[in-house]
PDB file of N, CA and C in Angstrom:
ATOM      1  N   MET A   1     117.686 123.603  26.302  1.00  0.00           N
ATOM      2  CA  MET A   1     117.428 122.742  27.215  1.00  0.00           C
ATOM      3  C   MET A   1     116.723 120.970  26.429  1.00  0.00           C
ATOM      4  N   ASP A   2     117.325 120.047  26.837  1.00  0.00           N
ATOM      5  CA  ASP A   2     116.843 118.443  25.925  1.00  0.00           C
ATOM      6  C   ASP A   2     115.685 118.846  26.421  1.00  0.00           C
ATOM      7  N   SER A   3     114.687 117.253  26.308  1.00  0.00           N
ATOM      8  CA  SER A   3     113.380 117.229  26.505  1.00  0.00           C
ATOM      9  C   SER A   3     113.539 116.505  28.230  1.00  0.00           C
ATOM     10  N   THR A   4     114.404 115.744  28.240  1.00  0.00           N
ATOM     11  CA  THR A   4     114.947 115.061  29.644  1.00  0.00           C
ATOM     12  C   THR A   4     115.135 116.225  30.505  1.00  0.00           C
ATOM     13  N   GLU A   5     115.109 117.606  30.318  1.00  0.00           N
ATOM     14  CA  GLU A   5     115.641 118.596  31.069  1.00  0.00           C
ATOM     15  C   GLU A   5     114.263 118.942  31.780  1.00  0.00           C
ATOM     16  N   GLN A   6     113.711 119.444  30.118  1.00  0.00           N
ATOM     17  CA  GLN A   6     112.218 120.059  30.815  1.00  0.00           C
ATOM     18  C   GLN A   6     111.196 118.811  31.049  1.00  0.00           C
ATOM     19  N   TYR A   7     111.472 117.995  31.027  1.00  0.00           N
ATOM     20  CA  TYR A   7     110.513 116.474  31.404  1.00  0.00           C
ATOM     21  C   TYR A   7     111.024 115.130  32.324  1.00  0.00           C
ATOM     22  N   PRO A   8     111.945 115.781  33.284  1.00  0.00           N
ATOM     23  CA  PRO A   8     112.992 114.422  33.922  1.00  0.00           C
ATOM     24  C   PRO A   8     111.818 113.564  33.818  1.00  0.00           C
ATOM     25  N   LEU A   9     112.199 112.273  33.563  1.00  0.00           N
ATOM     26  CA  LEU A   9     111.912 111.121  33.464  1.00  0.00           C
ATOM     27  C   LEU A   9     112.047 110.133  34.768  1.00  0.00           C
ATOM     28  N   ASP A  10     112.492 111.292  36.188  1.00  0.00           N
ATOM     29  CA  ASP A  10     112.558 110.444  37.219  1.00  0.00           C
ATOM     30  C   ASP A  10     111.294 111.175  38.204  1.00  0.00           C
ATOM     31  N   GLN A  11     110.309 112.057  36.984  1.00  0.00           N
ATOM     32  CA  GLN A  11     109.293 112.227  38.112  1.00  0.00           C
ATOM     33  C   GLN A  11     108.048 111.121  38.212  1.00  0.00           C
ATOM     34  N   ASP A  12     107.305 111.383  39.113  1.00  0.00           N
ATOM     35  CA  ASP A  12     106.173 110.389  39.062  1.00  0.00           C
ATOM     36  C   ASP A  12     105.596 110.194  38.236  1.00  0.00           C
ATOM     37  N   HIS A  13     105.596 108.354  37.316  1.00  0.00           N
ATOM     38  CA  HIS A  13     104.903 108.791  36.497  1.00  0.00           C
ATOM     39  C   HIS A  13     103.979 107.078  36.050  1.00  0.00           C
ATOM     40  N   LEU A  14     103.343 106.749  35.546  1.00  0.00           N
ATOM     41  CA  LEU A  14     102.511 105.410  35.664  1.00  0.00           C
ATOM     42  C   LEU A  14     102.569 104.886  34.672  1.00  0.00           C
ATOM     43  N   ASP A  15     102.440 103.336  34.334  1.00  0.00           N
ATOM     44  CA  ASP A  15     102.793 102.660  33.005  1.00  0.00           C
ATOM     45  C   ASP A  15     101.239 102.588  31.906  1.00  0.00           C
ATOM     46  N   GLY A  16     101.910 102.032  31.087  1.00  0.00           N
ATOM     47  CA  GLY A  16     100.705 101.865  30.102  1.00  0.00           C
ATOM     48  C   GLY A  16      99.460 102.004  30.804  1.00  0.00           C
ATOM     49  N   ASN A  17      99.594 100.753  31.431  1.00  0.00           N
ATOM     50  CA  ASN A  17      97.995 100.139  31.523  1.00  0.00           C
ATOM     51  C   ASN A  17      97.171 101.222  32.327  1.00  0.00           C
ATOM     52  N   ALA A  18      97.528 102.277  32.669  1.00  0.00           N
ATOM     53  CA  ALA A  18      96.796 103.948  33.149  1.00  0.00           C
ATOM     54  C   ALA A  18      95.980 104.158  32.161  1.00  0.00           C
ATOM     55  N   LEU A  19      96.528 103.967  30.481  1.00  0.00           N
ATOM     56  CA  LEU A  19      95.839 104.628  29.619  1.00  0.00           C
ATOM     57  C   LEU A  19      94.509 104.086  28.988  1.00  0.00           C
ATOM     58  N   ALA A  20      94.164 102.647  29.540  1.00  0.00           N
ATOM     59  CA  ALA A  20      93.302 101.571  29.357  1.00  0.00           C
ATOM     60  C   ALA A  20      91.857 102.201  29.304  1.00  0.00           C
ATOM     61  N   GLY A  21      91.493 103.151  30.186  1.00  0.00           N
ATOM     62  CA  GLY A  21      90.454 103.859  30.385  1.00  0.00           C
ATOM     63  C   GLY A  21      90.232 105.185  29.163  1.00  0.00           C
ATOM     64  N   ALA A  22      91.346 105.620  28.923  1.00  0.00           N
ATOM     65  CA  ALA A  22      90.934 106.556  27.978  1.00  0.00           C
ATOM     66  C   ALA A  22      90.873 106.077  26.307  1.00  0.00           C
ATOM     67  N   LEU A  23      91.136 104.750  26.010  1.00  0.00           N
ATOM     68  CA  LEU A  23      91.165 104.173  25.203  1.00  0.00           C
ATOM     69  C   LEU A  23      89.733 103.470  24.579  1.00  0.00           C
ATOM     70  N   ASP A  24      89.696 103.238  25.541  1.00  0.00           N
ATOM     71  CA  ASP A  24      87.966 102.228  25.183  1.00  0.00           C
ATOM     72  C   ASP A  24      86.992 103.375  24.143  1.00  0.00           C
ATOM     73  N   GLN A  25      87.183 104.660  24.146  1.00  0.00           N
ATOM     74  CA  GLN A  25      86.657 105.042  23.361  1.00  0.00           C
ATOM     75  C   GLN A  25      86.882 104.842  21.721  1.00  0.00           C
ATOM     76  N   PHE A  26      87.518 104.374  21.342  1.00  0.00           N
ATOM     77  CA  PHE A  26      88.321 103.254  20.050  1.00  0.00           C
ATOM     78  C   PHE A  26      88.129 102.452  19.663  1.00  0.00           C
ATOM     79  N   VAL A  27      86.552 102.058  20.215  1.00  0.00           N
ATOM     80  CA  VAL A  27      85.867 100.596  20.179  1.00  0.00           C
ATOM     81  C   VAL A  27      84.824 100.785  18.991  1.00  0.00           C
ATOM     82  N   SER A  28      84.368 102.565  18.845  1.00  0.00           N
ATOM     83  CA  SER A  28      83.485 103.283  18.293  1.00  0.00           C
ATOM     84  C   SER A  28      84.156 103.428  16.769  1.00  0.00           C
ATOM     85  N   ASP A  29      83.045 103.748  16.191  1.00  0.00           N
ATOM     86  CA  ASP A  29      83.512 104.062  14.360  1.00  0.00           C
ATOM     87  C   ASP A  29      84.007 105.054  14.991  1.00  0.00           C
ATOM     88  N   LEU A  30      84.924 104.955  13.820  1.00  0.00           N
ATOM     89  CA  LEU A  30      86.481 105.780  13.747  1.00  0.00           C
ATOM     90  C   LEU A  30      86.216 106.665  12.067  1.00  0.00           C
ATOM     91  N   THR A  31      85.159 106.205  11.398  1.00  0.00           N
ATOM     92  CA  THR A  31      85.264 106.402  10.575  1.00  0.00           C
ATOM     93  C   THR A  31      85.018 107.927  10.103  1.00  0.00           C
ATOM     94  N   SER A  32      84.149 108.648  11.420  1.00  0.00           N
ATOM     95  CA  SER A  32      83.594 110.035  10.986  1.00  0.00           C
ATOM     96  C   SER A  32      84.921 110.669  12.166  1.00  0.00           C
ATOM     97  N   ALA A  33      86.315 110.271  12.027  1.00  0.00           N
ATOM     98  CA  ALA A  33      87.047 110.928  13.131  1.00  0.00           C
ATOM     99  C   ALA A  33      87.946 111.646  12.220  1.00  0.00           C
ATOM    100  N   GLU A  34      88.253 113.289  12.764  1.00  0.00           N
ATOM    101  CA  GLU A  34      88.789 114.146  11.552  1.00  0.00           C
ATOM    102  C   GLU A  34      90.714 113.917  11.661  1.00  0.00           C
ATOM    103  N   CYS A  35      90.889 113.671  10.465  1.00  0.00           N
ATOM    104  CA  CYS A  35      92.103 112.883  10.596  1.00  0.00           C
ATOM    105  C   CYS A  35      93.075 114.101   9.923  1.00  0.00           C
ATOM    106  N   THR A  36      94.548 114.090  10.305  1.00  0.00           N
ATOM    107  CA  THR A  36      95.021 115.204   9.623  1.00  0.00           C
ATOM    108  C   THR A  36      96.482 114.971   8.979  1.00  0.00           C
ATOM    109  N   CYS A  37      96.819 114.731   7.295  1.00  0.00           N
ATOM    110  CA  CYS A  37      98.275 114.214   6.751  1.00  0.00           C
ATOM    111  C   CYS A  37      98.890 114.505   7.574  1.00  0.00           C
ATOM    112  N   ALA A  38     100.007 113.859   7.666  1.00  0.00           N
ATOM    113  CA  ALA A  38     101.401 114.109   7.967  1.00  0.00           C
ATOM    114  C   ALA A  38     102.008 114.901   6.574  1.00  0.00           C
ATOM    115  N   GLY A  39     101.901 114.026   5.711  1.00  0.00           N
ATOM    116  CA  GLY A  39     102.416 114.936   4.922  1.00  0.00           C
ATOM    117  C   GLY A  39     102.351 116.179   4.249  1.00  0.00           C
ATOM    118  N   CYS A  40     100.635 116.130   4.160  1.00  0.00           N
ATOM    119  CA  CYS A  40     100.547 117.566   2.857  1.00  0.00           C
ATOM    120  C   CYS A  40      99.560 118.651   4.149  1.00  0.00           C
ATOM    121  N   GLY A  41      99.021 117.847   5.096  1.00  0.00           N
ATOM    122  CA  GLY A  41      98.689 118.455   6.461  1.00  0.00           C
ATOM    123  C   GLY A  41      96.863 119.234   5.963  1.00  0.00           C
ATOM    124  N   SER A  42      96.888 118.473   5.187  1.00  0.00           N
ATOM    125  CA  SER A  42      95.032 118.755   4.606  1.00  0.00           C
ATOM    126  C   SER A  42      94.416 117.821   5.607  1.00  0.00           C
ATOM    127  N   SER A  43      92.905 118.089   6.171  1.00  0.00           N
ATOM    128  CA  SER A  43      92.516 117.666   7.413  1.00  0.00           C
ATOM    129  C   SER A  43      91.083 117.252   6.708  1.00  0.00           C
ATOM    130  N   GLY A  44      90.338 116.265   6.845  1.00  0.00           N
ATOM    131  CA  GLY A  44      89.044 115.149   6.894  1.00  0.00           C
ATOM    132  C   GLY A  44      88.576 114.330   7.889  1.00  0.00           C
ATOM    133  N   PRO A  45      87.259 113.783   6.976  1.00  0.00           N
ATOM    134  CA  PRO A  45      86.978 112.460   7.996  1.00  0.00           C
ATOM    135  C   PRO A  45      87.647 111.532   7.344  1.00  0.00           C
ATOM    136  N   LEU A  46      88.043 110.631   8.194  1.00  0.00           N
ATOM    137  CA  LEU A  46      88.677 109.217   7.609  1.00  0.00           C
ATOM    138  C   LEU A  46      87.957 108.756   6.618  1.00  0.00           C
ATOM    139  N   ALA A  47      86.527 108.874   6.442  1.00  0.00           N
ATOM    140  CA  ALA A  47      85.567 107.900   5.833  1.00  0.00           C
ATOM    141  C   ALA A  47      85.387 108.884   4.094  1.00  0.00           C
ATOM    142  N   ALA A  48      86.353 109.845   4.367  1.00  0.00           N
ATOM    143  CA  ALA A  48      86.382 111.083   3.013  1.00  0.00           C
ATOM    144  C   ALA A  48      87.942 110.301   2.332  1.00  0.00           C
ATOM    145  N   ALA A  49      88.788 109.418   3.236  1.00  0.00           N
ATOM    146  CA  ALA A  49      90.650 108.670   2.401  1.00  0.00           C
ATOM    147  C   ALA A  49      90.331 107.955   1.660  1.00  0.00           C
ATOM    148  N   LEU A  50      90.855 107.725   0.566  1.00  0.00           N
ATOM    149  CA  LEU A  50      90.954 106.814  -0.415  1.00  0.00           C
ATOM    150  C   LEU A  50      91.410 105.547  -0.070  1.00  0.00           C
ATOM    151  N   LEU A  51      90.256 104.442   0.138  1.00  0.00           N
ATOM    152  CA  LEU A  51      91.047 103.034   0.648  1.00  0.00           C
ATOM    153  C   LEU A  51      91.634 101.486  -0.196  1.00  0.00           C
ATOM    154  N   TYR A  52      92.456 101.378  -0.070  1.00  0.00           N
ATOM    155  CA  TYR A  52      93.566 100.451  -1.052  1.00  0.00           C
ATOM    156  C   TYR A  52      92.719  98.870  -0.376  1.00  0.00           C
ATOM    157  N   ALA A  53      92.185  98.160  -0.763  1.00  0.00           N
ATOM    158  CA  ALA A  53      91.764  97.157   0.020  1.00  0.00           C
ATOM    159  C   ALA A  53      92.356  95.761  -0.815  1.00  0.00           C
ATOM    160  N   LYS A  54      93.086  95.957  -1.939  1.00  0.00           N
ATOM    161  CA  LYS A  54      92.935  94.676  -2.708  1.00  0.00           C
ATOM    162  C   LYS A  54      94.643  94.132  -2.596  1.00  0.00           C
ATOM    163  N   ALA A  55      94.922  94.074  -1.573  1.00  0.00           N
ATOM    164  CA  ALA A  55      96.757  93.746  -0.860  1.00  0.00           C
ATOM    165  C   ALA A  55      96.582  92.918   0.452  1.00  0.00           C
ATOM    166  N   PRO A  56      97.721  93.177   0.668  1.00  0.00           N
ATOM    167  CA  PRO A  56      97.893  91.836   2.155  1.00  0.00           C
ATOM    168  C   PRO A  56      97.007  92.383   3.661  1.00  0.00           C
ATOM    169  N   GLY A  57      96.521  93.991   3.390  1.00  0.00           N
ATOM    170  CA  GLY A  57      96.126  94.221   4.140  1.00  0.00           C
ATOM    171  C   GLY A  57      95.191  95.986   3.452  1.00  0.00           C
ATOM    172  N   MET A  58      94.946  96.659   4.694  1.00  0.00           N
ATOM    173  CA  MET A  58      94.057  97.621   3.777  1.00  0.00           C
ATOM    174  C   MET A  58      95.069  99.011   4.200  1.00  0.00           C
ATOM    175  N   VAL A  59      95.523 100.167   2.970  1.00  0.00           N
ATOM    176  CA  VAL A  59      95.855 100.926   3.091  1.00  0.00           C
ATOM    177  C   VAL A  59      94.847 102.101   2.697  1.00  0.00           C
ATOM    178  N   LEU A  60      95.128 103.191   3.164  1.00  0.00           N
ATOM    179  CA  LEU A  60      94.375 104.403   3.346  1.00  0.00           C
ATOM    180  C   LEU A  60      94.990 105.575   3.487  1.00  0.00           C
ATOM    181  N   ARG A  61      95.007 106.120   1.595  1.00  0.00           N
ATOM    182  CA  ARG A  61      95.759 107.500   1.521  1.00  0.00           C
ATOM    183  C   ARG A  61      94.963 108.558   1.305  1.00  0.00           C
ATOM    184  N   CYS A  62      95.581 109.777   1.736  1.00  0.00           N
ATOM    185  CA  CYS A  62      95.161 111.260   1.858  1.00  0.00           C
ATOM    186  C   CYS A  62      94.297 111.253   0.252  1.00  0.00           C
ATOM    187  N   PRO A  63      93.419 111.705   0.372  1.00  0.00           N
ATOM    188  CA  PRO A  63      92.549 111.849  -0.818  1.00  0.00           C
ATOM    189  C   PRO A  63      93.327 113.374  -1.516  1.00  0.00           C
ATOM    190  N   THR A  64      93.778 114.133  -1.334  1.00  0.00           N
ATOM    191  CA  THR A  64      94.654 115.123  -1.126  1.00  0.00           C
ATOM    192  C   THR A  64      96.055 114.983  -2.160  1.00  0.00           C
ATOM    193  N   CYS A  65      96.483 114.199  -1.391  1.00  0.00           N
ATOM    194  CA  CYS A  65      97.860 113.895  -1.749  1.00  0.00           C
ATOM    195  C   CYS A  65      99.086 112.603  -2.483  1.00  0.00           C
ATOM    196  N   THR A  66      98.007 111.668  -2.037  1.00  0.00           N
ATOM    197  CA  THR A  66      97.634 110.201  -1.590  1.00  0.00           C
ATOM    198  C   THR A  66      98.965 109.943  -1.069  1.00  0.00           C
ATOM    199  N   ALA A  67      99.374 110.236   0.280  1.00  0.00           N
ATOM    200  CA  ALA A  67     100.230 110.265   1.407  1.00  0.00           C
ATOM    201  C   ALA A  67      99.221 108.587   2.009  1.00  0.00           C
ATOM    202  N   VAL A  68     100.159 107.813   2.097  1.00  0.00           N
ATOM    203  CA  VAL A  68      99.748 107.036   3.215  1.00  0.00           C
ATOM    204  C   VAL A  68      99.266 107.374   4.565  1.00  0.00           C
ATOM    205  N   LEU A  69      98.590 107.047   4.736  1.00  0.00           N
ATOM    206  CA  LEU A  69      98.020 107.565   6.264  1.00  0.00           C
ATOM    207  C   LEU A  69      97.831 106.521   7.100  1.00  0.00           C
ATOM    208  N   LEU A  70      97.817 104.999   6.661  1.00  0.00           N
ATOM    209  CA  LEU A  70      97.587 104.597   7.927  1.00  0.00           C
ATOM    210  C   LEU A  70      97.271 103.039   7.097  1.00  0.00           C
ATOM    211  N   CYS A  71      97.876 101.944   7.336  1.00  0.00           N
ATOM    212  CA  CYS A  71      97.902 100.934   7.630  1.00  0.00           C
ATOM    213  C   CYS A  71      97.488  99.342   8.179  1.00  0.00           C
ATOM    214  N   LEU A  72      96.553  98.685   7.622  1.00  0.00           N
ATOM    215  CA  LEU A  72      95.641  97.790   8.525  1.00  0.00           C
ATOM    216  C   LEU A  72      95.870  96.417   8.044  1.00  0.00           C
ATOM    217  N   THR A  73      96.408  95.686   8.954  1.00  0.00           N
ATOM    218  CA  THR A  73      97.048  94.037   8.408  1.00  0.00           C
ATOM    219  C   THR A  73      96.909  93.266   9.011  1.00  0.00           C
ATOM    220  N   ASP A  74      95.969  92.141   8.338  1.00  0.00           N
ATOM    221  CA  ASP A  74      95.693  90.922   9.318  1.00  0.00           C
ATOM    222  C   ASP A  74      96.344  89.912   9.579  1.00  0.00           C
ATOM    223  N   GLN A  75      96.671  89.601  10.409  1.00  0.00           N
ATOM    224  CA  GLN A  75      98.023  88.319  10.161  1.00  0.00           C
ATOM    225  C   GLN A  75      97.539  86.702  10.973  1.00  0.00           C
ATOM    226  N   GLY A  76      96.044  86.960  11.004  1.00  0.00           N
ATOM    227  CA  GLY A  76      95.564  85.679  11.325  1.00  0.00           C
ATOM    228  C   GLY A  76      94.840  86.028  12.826  1.00  0.00           C
ATOM    229  N   ASP A  77      95.764  85.970  13.842  1.00  0.00           N
ATOM    230  CA  ASP A  77      95.624  85.672  15.087  1.00  0.00           C
ATOM    231  C   ASP A  77      95.661  87.319  15.534  1.00  0.00           C
ATOM    232  N   ARG A  78      95.725  88.261  14.905  1.00  0.00           N
ATOM    233  CA  ARG A  78      96.446  89.934  15.427  1.00  0.00           C
ATOM    234  C   ARG A  78      96.314  90.427  14.050  1.00  0.00           C
ATOM    235  N   GLN A  79      95.898  91.860  14.658  1.00  0.00           N
ATOM    236  CA  GLN A  79      95.622  92.572  13.643  1.00  0.00           C
ATOM    237  C   GLN A  79      97.263  93.983  13.868  1.00  0.00           C
ATOM    238  N   ILE A  80      97.499  94.473  12.748  1.00  0.00           N
ATOM    239  CA  ILE A  80      98.546  95.278  12.690  1.00  0.00           C
ATOM    240  C   ILE A  80      98.147  96.867  12.045  1.00  0.00           C
ATOM    241  N   LEU A  81      98.167  97.712  13.100  1.00  0.00           N
ATOM    242  CA  LEU A  81      97.877  99.039  12.820  1.00  0.00           C
ATOM    243  C   LEU A  81      98.428 100.096  12.680  1.00  0.00           C
ATOM    244  N   THR A  82      99.470 100.474  11.385  1.00  0.00           N
ATOM    245  CA  THR A  82     100.444 101.141  11.396  1.00  0.00           C
ATOM    246  C   THR A  82      99.722 102.522  11.041  1.00  0.00           C
ATOM    247  N   VAL A  83     100.277 103.952  11.682  1.00  0.00           N
ATOM    248  CA  VAL A  83      99.773 105.150  11.476  1.00  0.00           C
ATOM    249  C   VAL A  83     100.581 106.449  11.128  1.00  0.00           C
ATOM    250  N   ASP A  84     101.723 106.083  10.378  1.00  0.00           N
ATOM    251  CA  ASP A  84     102.681 107.009  10.578  1.00  0.00           C
ATOM    252  C   ASP A  84     102.150 107.924   9.961  1.00  0.00           C
ATOM    253  N   GLY A  85     101.587 107.924   8.987  1.00  0.00           N
ATOM    254  CA  GLY A  85     101.430 109.220   8.124  1.00  0.00           C
ATOM    255  C   GLY A  85     100.105 110.320   8.769  1.00  0.00           C
ATOM    256  N   VAL A  86      99.640 110.123   9.469  1.00  0.00           N
ATOM    257  CA  VAL A  86      98.453 110.729  10.736  1.00  0.00           C
ATOM    258  C   VAL A  86      99.392 111.526  11.872  1.00  0.00           C
ATOM    259  N   ARG A  87      99.331 112.988  11.176  1.00  0.00           N
ATOM    260  CA  ARG A  87      99.478 113.547  12.425  1.00  0.00           C
ATOM    261  C   ARG A  87      99.160 114.049  13.768  1.00  0.00           C
ATOM    262  N   HIS A  88      97.442 113.722  13.075  1.00  0.00           N
ATOM    263  CA  HIS A  88      96.726 113.883  14.606  1.00  0.00           C
ATOM    264  C   HIS A  88      94.993 113.566  14.277  1.00  0.00           C
ATOM    265  N   LEU A  89      94.618 112.623  14.882  1.00  0.00           N
ATOM    266  CA  LEU A  89      93.234 112.115  14.617  1.00  0.00           C
ATOM    267  C   LEU A  89      92.173 112.421  15.932  1.00  0.00           C
ATOM    268  N   VAL A  90      91.201 113.249  15.453  1.00  0.00           N
ATOM    269  CA  VAL A  90      90.561 114.211  16.311  1.00  0.00           C
ATOM    270  C   VAL A  90      89.171 113.423  16.709  1.00  0.00           C
ATOM    271  N   ILE A  91      89.024 113.030  17.590  1.00  0.00           N
ATOM    272  CA  ILE A  91      87.519 111.684  17.509  1.00  0.00           C
ATOM    273  C   ILE A  91      86.365 112.692  18.991  1.00  0.00           C
ATOM    274  N   ASP A  92      85.306 112.256  18.439  1.00  0.00           N
ATOM    275  CA  ASP A  92      84.557 113.264  19.365  1.00  0.00           C
ATOM    276  C   ASP A  92      84.226 112.111  19.592  1.00  0.00           C
ATOM    277  N   LYS A  93      83.731 112.413  21.224  1.00  0.00           N
ATOM    278  CA  LYS A  93      83.495 111.671  22.743  1.00  0.00           C
ATOM    279  C   LYS A  93      81.733 111.113  22.206  1.00  0.00           C
ATOM    280  N   PRO A  94      81.803 110.024  22.656  1.00  0.00           N
ATOM    281  CA  PRO A  94      79.993 109.728  22.447  1.00  0.00           C
ATOM    282  C   PRO A  94      79.153 110.800  23.327  1.00  0.00           C
TER     283      PRO A  94
END
């Protein structure tokens, strides 16, 4: 069974705007959020990761295996956040 059979795409759904309320929590300080590395599986607070800031953007690396967790690039009128190296991020509710 493929994923479209298990969860048919024609079922009732909302658009991405419905996620706005749930995303409000991300405006707080995320450095205490628990991050799990997609590379090695180790977990810890973002504050414990290794930050490399001498680049066009900021690169956060896993303190265990040094894999790239996320990149934050400033492009003037916008910022681009890439989180390819994060398996999941656990954020405590305020």
